[in-house]
């Protein structure tokens, strides 16, 4: 899972290739292939490589956004 700390969004690794192809074809955006957020250009964080406990920030922020 890749996470953008600025946008507080994540994308599953298995969806990156398809999303990258779609963004490239529709809008000419190629940032996703270099693992940069196509919205804000921030470098994605690979949550699989984050030390244990570090992923809590992303999960907590995501829950906060999902609350009405």
PDB file of N, CA and C in Angstrom:
ATOM      1  N   UNK A   1       0.844  -1.168   0.000  1.00  0.00           N
ATOM      2  CA  UNK A   1       0.000   0.000   0.000  1.00  0.00           C
ATOM      3  C   UNK A   1       0.890   1.233   0.000  1.00  0.00           C
ATOM      4  N   UNK A   2       0.586   2.160  -0.885  1.00  0.00           N
ATOM      5  CA  UNK A   2       1.290   3.431  -0.936  1.00  0.00           C
ATOM      6  C   UNK A   2       0.393   4.503  -0.330  1.00  0.00           C
ATOM      7  N   UNK A   3       0.994   5.441   0.389  1.00  0.00           N
ATOM      8  CA  UNK A   3       0.251   6.465   1.114  1.00  0.00           C
ATOM      9  C   UNK A   3       0.829   7.846   0.815  1.00  0.00           C
ATOM     10  N   UNK A   4      -0.062   8.805   0.558  1.00  0.00           N
ATOM     11  CA  UNK A   4       0.345  10.193   0.365  1.00  0.00           C
ATOM     12  C   UNK A   4       0.018  10.946   1.652  1.00  0.00           C
ATOM     13  N   UNK A   5       1.032  11.392   2.388  1.00  0.00           N
ATOM     14  CA  UNK A   5       0.773  12.083   3.653  1.00  0.00           C
ATOM     15  C   UNK A   5       0.137  13.465   3.474  1.00  0.00           C
ATOM     16  N   UNK A   6       0.360  14.084   2.368  1.00  0.00           N
ATOM     17  CA  UNK A   6      -0.203  15.417   2.147  1.00  0.00           C
ATOM     18  C   UNK A   6      -1.695  15.342   1.817  1.00  0.00           C
ATOM     19  N   UNK A   7      -2.071  14.422   0.950  1.00  0.00           N
ATOM     20  CA  UNK A   7      -3.479  14.268   0.560  1.00  0.00           C
ATOM     21  C   UNK A   7      -4.244  13.317   1.475  1.00  0.00           C
ATOM     22  N   UNK A   8      -3.491  12.562   2.294  1.00  0.00           N
ATOM     23  CA  UNK A   8      -4.078  11.561   3.178  1.00  0.00           C
ATOM     24  C   UNK A   8      -4.869  10.527   2.382  1.00  0.00           C
ATOM     25  N   UNK A   9      -4.281  10.073   1.303  1.00  0.00           N
ATOM     26  CA  UNK A   9      -4.897   9.058   0.441  1.00  0.00           C
ATOM     27  C   UNK A   9      -3.916   7.919   0.245  1.00  0.00           C
ATOM     28  N   UNK A  10      -4.469   6.763  -0.052  1.00  0.00           N
ATOM     29  CA  UNK A  10      -3.613   5.614  -0.298  1.00  0.00           C
ATOM     30  C   UNK A  10      -4.089   4.874  -1.542  1.00  0.00           C
ATOM     31  N   UNK A  11      -3.185   4.081  -2.099  1.00  0.00           N
ATOM     32  CA  UNK A  11      -3.500   3.268  -3.260  1.00  0.00           C
ATOM     33  C   UNK A  11      -2.801   1.923  -3.089  1.00  0.00           C
ATOM     34  N   UNK A  12      -3.531   0.866  -3.382  1.00  0.00           N
ATOM     35  CA  UNK A  12      -2.968  -0.473  -3.288  1.00  0.00           C
ATOM     36  C   UNK A  12      -1.933  -0.664  -4.391  1.00  0.00           C
ATOM     37  N   UNK A  13      -0.874  -1.379  -4.065  1.00  0.00           N
ATOM     38  CA  UNK A  13       0.207  -1.589  -5.031  1.00  0.00           C
ATOM     39  C   UNK A  13      -0.296  -2.253  -6.308  1.00  0.00           C
ATOM     40  N   UNK A  14      -1.262  -3.159  -6.161  1.00  0.00           N
ATOM     41  CA  UNK A  14      -1.748  -3.863  -7.348  1.00  0.00           C
ATOM     42  C   UNK A  14      -2.582  -2.975  -8.269  1.00  0.00           C
ATOM     43  N   UNK A  15      -2.984  -1.797  -7.820  1.00  0.00           N
ATOM     44  CA  UNK A  15      -3.761  -0.872  -8.644  1.00  0.00           C
ATOM     45  C   UNK A  15      -2.915   0.213  -9.297  1.00  0.00           C
ATOM     46  N   UNK A  16      -1.667   0.330  -8.913  1.00  0.00           N
ATOM     47  CA  UNK A  16      -0.816   1.414  -9.410  1.00  0.00           C
ATOM     48  C   UNK A  16      -0.640   1.350 -10.925  1.00  0.00           C
ATOM     49  N   UNK A  17      -0.361   0.187 -11.449  1.00  0.00           N
ATOM     50  CA  UNK A  17      -0.098   0.064 -12.887  1.00  0.00           C
ATOM     51  C   UNK A  17      -1.323   0.453 -13.719  1.00  0.00           C
ATOM     52  N   UNK A  18      -2.491  -0.020 -13.333  1.00  0.00           N
ATOM     53  CA  UNK A  18      -3.718   0.298 -14.059  1.00  0.00           C
ATOM     54  C   UNK A  18      -4.053   1.787 -13.933  1.00  0.00           C
ATOM     55  N   UNK A  19      -3.949   2.320 -12.723  1.00  0.00           N
ATOM     56  CA  UNK A  19      -4.235   3.745 -12.502  1.00  0.00           C
ATOM     57  C   UNK A  19      -3.242   4.623 -13.266  1.00  0.00           C
ATOM     58  N   UNK A  20      -1.976   4.212 -13.279  1.00  0.00           N
ATOM     59  CA  UNK A  20      -0.963   4.974 -14.005  1.00  0.00           C
ATOM     60  C   UNK A  20      -1.276   5.015 -15.491  1.00  0.00           C
ATOM     61  N   UNK A  21      -1.647   3.877 -16.045  1.00  0.00           N
ATOM     62  CA  UNK A  21      -1.970   3.807 -17.472  1.00  0.00           C
ATOM     63  C   UNK A  21      -3.183   4.688 -17.785  1.00  0.00           C
ATOM     64  N   UNK A  22      -4.196   4.639 -16.923  1.00  0.00           N
ATOM     65  CA  UNK A  22      -5.405   5.443 -17.140  1.00  0.00           C
ATOM     66  C   UNK A  22      -5.108   6.947 -17.047  1.00  0.00           C
ATOM     67  N   UNK A  23      -4.343   7.353 -16.046  1.00  0.00           N
ATOM     68  CA  UNK A  23      -3.981   8.771 -15.912  1.00  0.00           C
ATOM     69  C   UNK A  23      -3.148   9.247 -17.092  1.00  0.00           C
ATOM     70  N   UNK A  24      -2.250   8.397 -17.557  1.00  0.00           N
ATOM     71  CA  UNK A  24      -1.398   8.756 -18.684  1.00  0.00           C
ATOM     72  C   UNK A  24      -2.227   8.918 -19.958  1.00  0.00           C
ATOM     73  N   UNK A  25      -3.149   7.962 -20.198  1.00  0.00           N
ATOM     74  CA  UNK A  25      -3.966   7.999 -21.407  1.00  0.00           C
ATOM     75  C   UNK A  25      -4.961   9.159 -21.401  1.00  0.00           C
ATOM     76  N   UNK A  26      -5.611   9.386 -20.276  1.00  0.00           N
ATOM     77  CA  UNK A  26      -6.664  10.413 -20.215  1.00  0.00           C
ATOM     78  C   UNK A  26      -6.130  11.824 -20.040  1.00  0.00           C
ATOM     79  N   UNK A  27      -5.129  11.994 -19.161  1.00  0.00           N
ATOM     80  CA  UNK A  27      -4.714  13.339 -18.785  1.00  0.00           C
ATOM     81  C   UNK A  27      -3.245  13.661 -19.047  1.00  0.00           C
ATOM     82  N   UNK A  28      -2.481  12.670 -19.481  1.00  0.00           N
ATOM     83  CA  UNK A  28      -1.066  12.897 -19.734  1.00  0.00           C
ATOM     84  C   UNK A  28      -0.237  13.030 -18.462  1.00  0.00           C
ATOM     85  N   UNK A  29      -0.761  12.542 -17.338  1.00  0.00           N
ATOM     86  CA  UNK A  29      -0.063  12.617 -16.051  1.00  0.00           C
ATOM     87  C   UNK A  29       0.769  11.360 -15.863  1.00  0.00           C
ATOM     88  N   UNK A  30       2.070  11.540 -15.635  1.00  0.00           N
ATOM     89  CA  UNK A  30       2.972  10.391 -15.517  1.00  0.00           C
ATOM     90  C   UNK A  30       3.611  10.275 -14.144  1.00  0.00           C
ATOM     91  N   UNK A  31       3.136  11.011 -13.173  1.00  0.00           N
ATOM     92  CA  UNK A  31       3.752  11.027 -11.840  1.00  0.00           C
ATOM     93  C   UNK A  31       3.615   9.697 -11.110  1.00  0.00           C
ATOM     94  N   UNK A  32       2.510   9.007 -11.300  1.00  0.00           N
ATOM     95  CA  UNK A  32       2.246   7.781 -10.559  1.00  0.00           C
ATOM     96  C   UNK A  32       3.284   6.703 -10.852  1.00  0.00           C
ATOM     97  N   UNK A  33       3.798   6.659 -12.057  1.00  0.00           N
ATOM     98  CA  UNK A  33       4.811   5.652 -12.399  1.00  0.00           C
ATOM     99  C   UNK A  33       6.111   5.872 -11.637  1.00  0.00           C
ATOM    100  N   UNK A  34       6.349   7.112 -11.178  1.00  0.00           N
ATOM    101  CA  UNK A  34       7.545   7.391 -10.370  1.00  0.00           C
ATOM    102  C   UNK A  34       7.201   7.447  -8.883  1.00  0.00           C
ATOM    103  N   UNK A  35       6.034   6.889  -8.538  1.00  0.00           N
ATOM    104  CA  UNK A  35       5.543   6.803  -7.155  1.00  0.00           C
ATOM    105  C   UNK A  35       5.419   8.171  -6.486  1.00  0.00           C
ATOM    106  N   UNK A  36       4.863   9.099  -7.253  1.00  0.00           N
ATOM    107  CA  UNK A  36       4.538  10.423  -6.732  1.00  0.00           C
ATOM    108  C   UNK A  36       3.038  10.602  -6.876  1.00  0.00           C
ATOM    109  N   UNK A  37       2.451  11.297  -5.925  1.00  0.00           N
ATOM    110  CA  UNK A  37       1.011  11.530  -5.936  1.00  0.00           C
ATOM    111  C   UNK A  37       0.640  12.365  -7.162  1.00  0.00           C
ATOM    112  N   UNK A  38      -0.332  11.905  -7.953  1.00  0.00           N
ATOM    113  CA  UNK A  38      -0.719  12.671  -9.141  1.00  0.00           C
ATOM    114  C   UNK A  38      -1.475  13.953  -8.802  1.00  0.00           C
ATOM    115  N   UNK A  39      -1.920  14.107  -7.564  1.00  0.00           N
ATOM    116  CA  UNK A  39      -2.664  15.299  -7.156  1.00  0.00           C
ATOM    117  C   UNK A  39      -1.725  16.392  -6.653  1.00  0.00           C
ATOM    118  N   UNK A  40      -0.841  16.031  -5.705  1.00  0.00           N
ATOM    119  CA  UNK A  40      -0.020  17.063  -5.056  1.00  0.00           C
ATOM    120  C   UNK A  40       1.482  16.913  -5.334  1.00  0.00           C
ATOM    121  N   UNK A  41       1.884  15.871  -6.037  1.00  0.00           N
ATOM    122  CA  UNK A  41       3.276  15.611  -6.407  1.00  0.00           C
ATOM    123  C   UNK A  41       4.158  15.215  -5.217  1.00  0.00           C
ATOM    124  N   UNK A  42       3.551  14.855  -4.101  1.00  0.00           N
ATOM    125  CA  UNK A  42       4.302  14.398  -2.928  1.00  0.00           C
ATOM    126  C   UNK A  42       4.746  12.947  -3.170  1.00  0.00           C
ATOM    127  N   UNK A  43       5.900  12.599  -2.655  1.00  0.00           N
ATOM    128  CA  UNK A  43       6.388  11.224  -2.810  1.00  0.00           C
ATOM    129  C   UNK A  43       5.563  10.290  -1.935  1.00  0.00           C
ATOM    130  N   UNK A  44       5.127   9.177  -2.537  1.00  0.00           N
ATOM    131  CA  UNK A  44       4.364   8.187  -1.782  1.00  0.00           C
ATOM    132  C   UNK A  44       5.241   7.505  -0.739  1.00  0.00           C
ATOM    133  N   UNK A  45       4.633   7.096   0.354  1.00  0.00           N
ATOM    134  CA  UNK A  45       5.290   6.305   1.386  1.00  0.00           C
ATOM    135  C   UNK A  45       4.823   4.869   1.207  1.00  0.00           C
ATOM    136  N   UNK A  46       5.756   3.949   1.112  1.00  0.00           N
ATOM    137  CA  UNK A  46       5.433   2.533   1.009  1.00  0.00           C
ATOM    138  C   UNK A  46       5.157   2.030   2.420  1.00  0.00           C
ATOM    139  N   UNK A  47       3.892   1.810   2.742  1.00  0.00           N
ATOM    140  CA  UNK A  47       3.524   1.429   4.101  1.00  0.00           C
ATOM    141  C   UNK A  47       4.042   0.041   4.483  1.00  0.00           C
ATOM    142  N   UNK A  48       4.400  -0.777   3.498  1.00  0.00           N
ATOM    143  CA  UNK A  48       4.977  -2.091   3.799  1.00  0.00           C
ATOM    144  C   UNK A  48       6.397  -1.968   4.335  1.00  0.00           C
ATOM    145  N   UNK A  49       7.046  -0.832   4.076  1.00  0.00           N
ATOM    146  CA  UNK A  49       8.423  -0.623   4.526  1.00  0.00           C
ATOM    147  C   UNK A  49       8.517   0.231   5.790  1.00  0.00           C
ATOM    148  N   UNK A  50       7.387   0.716   6.272  1.00  0.00           N
ATOM    149  CA  UNK A  50       7.368   1.543   7.475  1.00  0.00           C
ATOM    150  C   UNK A  50       7.555   0.641   8.688  1.00  0.00           C
ATOM    151  N   UNK A  51       8.312   1.130   9.656  1.00  0.00           N
ATOM    152  CA  UNK A  51       8.530   0.349  10.874  1.00  0.00           C
ATOM    153  C   UNK A  51       7.209   0.059  11.557  1.00  0.00           C
ATOM    154  N   UNK A  52       7.207  -1.021  12.319  1.00  0.00           N
ATOM    155  CA  UNK A  52       5.998  -1.433  13.019  1.00  0.00           C
ATOM    156  C   UNK A  52       5.460  -0.279  13.879  1.00  0.00           C
ATOM    157  N   UNK A  53       4.177  -0.045  13.779  1.00  0.00           N
ATOM    158  CA  UNK A  53       3.557   1.044  14.534  1.00  0.00           C
ATOM    159  C   UNK A  53       3.468   2.329  13.740  1.00  0.00           C
ATOM    160  N   UNK A  54       4.274   2.489  12.721  1.00  0.00           N
ATOM    161  CA  UNK A  54       4.274   3.716  11.931  1.00  0.00           C
ATOM    162  C   UNK A  54       3.051   3.852  11.052  1.00  0.00           C
ATOM    163  N   UNK A  55       2.443   2.739  10.716  1.00  0.00           N
ATOM    164  CA  UNK A  55       1.278   2.765   9.848  1.00  0.00           C
ATOM    165  C   UNK A  55       0.046   3.309  10.576  1.00  0.00           C
ATOM    166  N   UNK A  56       0.101   3.360  11.897  1.00  0.00           N
ATOM    167  CA  UNK A  56      -1.049   3.844  12.664  1.00  0.00           C
ATOM    168  C   UNK A  56      -1.438   5.256  12.272  1.00  0.00           C
ATOM    169  N   UNK A  57      -0.465   6.103  11.934  1.00  0.00           N
ATOM    170  CA  UNK A  57      -0.765   7.480  11.542  1.00  0.00           C
ATOM    171  C   UNK A  57      -1.674   7.499  10.322  1.00  0.00           C
ATOM    172  N   UNK A  58      -1.336   6.712   9.310  1.00  0.00           N
ATOM    173  CA  UNK A  58      -2.140   6.667   8.089  1.00  0.00           C
ATOM    174  C   UNK A  58      -3.526   6.114   8.384  1.00  0.00           C
ATOM    175  N   UNK A  59      -3.594   5.058   9.196  1.00  0.00           N
ATOM    176  CA  UNK A  59      -4.890   4.467   9.519  1.00  0.00           C
ATOM    177  C   UNK A  59      -5.750   5.420  10.337  1.00  0.00           C
ATOM    178  N   UNK A  60      -5.134   6.117  11.295  1.00  0.00           N
ATOM    179  CA  UNK A  60      -5.861   7.059  12.138  1.00  0.00           C
ATOM    180  C   UNK A  60      -6.373   8.242  11.302  1.00  0.00           C
ATOM    181  N   UNK A  61      -5.556   8.748  10.420  1.00  0.00           N
ATOM    182  CA  UNK A  61      -5.948   9.870   9.567  1.00  0.00           C
ATOM    183  C   UNK A  61      -7.065   9.449   8.616  1.00  0.00           C
ATOM    184  N   UNK A  62      -7.004   8.234   8.123  1.00  0.00           N
ATOM    185  CA  UNK A  62      -8.026   7.732   7.215  1.00  0.00           C
ATOM    186  C   UNK A  62      -9.357   7.614   7.941  1.00  0.00           C
ATOM    187  N   UNK A  63      -9.352   7.116   9.173  1.00  0.00           N
ATOM    188  CA  UNK A  63     -10.578   6.999   9.965  1.00  0.00           C
ATOM    189  C   UNK A  63     -11.185   8.369  10.217  1.00  0.00           C
ATOM    190  N   UNK A  64     -10.345   9.350  10.458  1.00  0.00           N
ATOM    191  CA  UNK A  64     -10.796  10.708  10.719  1.00  0.00           C
ATOM    192  C   UNK A  64     -11.523  11.271   9.490  1.00  0.00           C
ATOM    193  N   UNK A  65     -11.008  10.974   8.295  1.00  0.00           N
ATOM    194  CA  UNK A  65     -11.637  11.443   7.055  1.00  0.00           C
ATOM    195  C   UNK A  65     -12.956  10.726   6.782  1.00  0.00           C
ATOM    196  N   UNK A  66     -13.076   9.484   7.228  1.00  0.00           N
ATOM    197  CA  UNK A  66     -14.280   8.699   6.974  1.00  0.00           C
ATOM    198  C   UNK A  66     -15.424   9.049   7.921  1.00  0.00           C
ATOM    199  N   UNK A  67     -15.112   9.759   8.996  1.00  0.00           N
ATOM    200  CA  UNK A  67     -16.131  10.130   9.970  1.00  0.00           C
ATOM    201  C   UNK A  67     -16.967  11.280   9.407  1.00  0.00           C
ATOM    202  N   UNK A  68     -18.324  11.144   9.482  1.00  0.00           N
ATOM    203  CA  UNK A  68     -19.184  12.204   8.908  1.00  0.00           C
ATOM    204  C   UNK A  68     -19.112  13.503   9.656  1.00  0.00           C
TER     205      UNK A  68
END
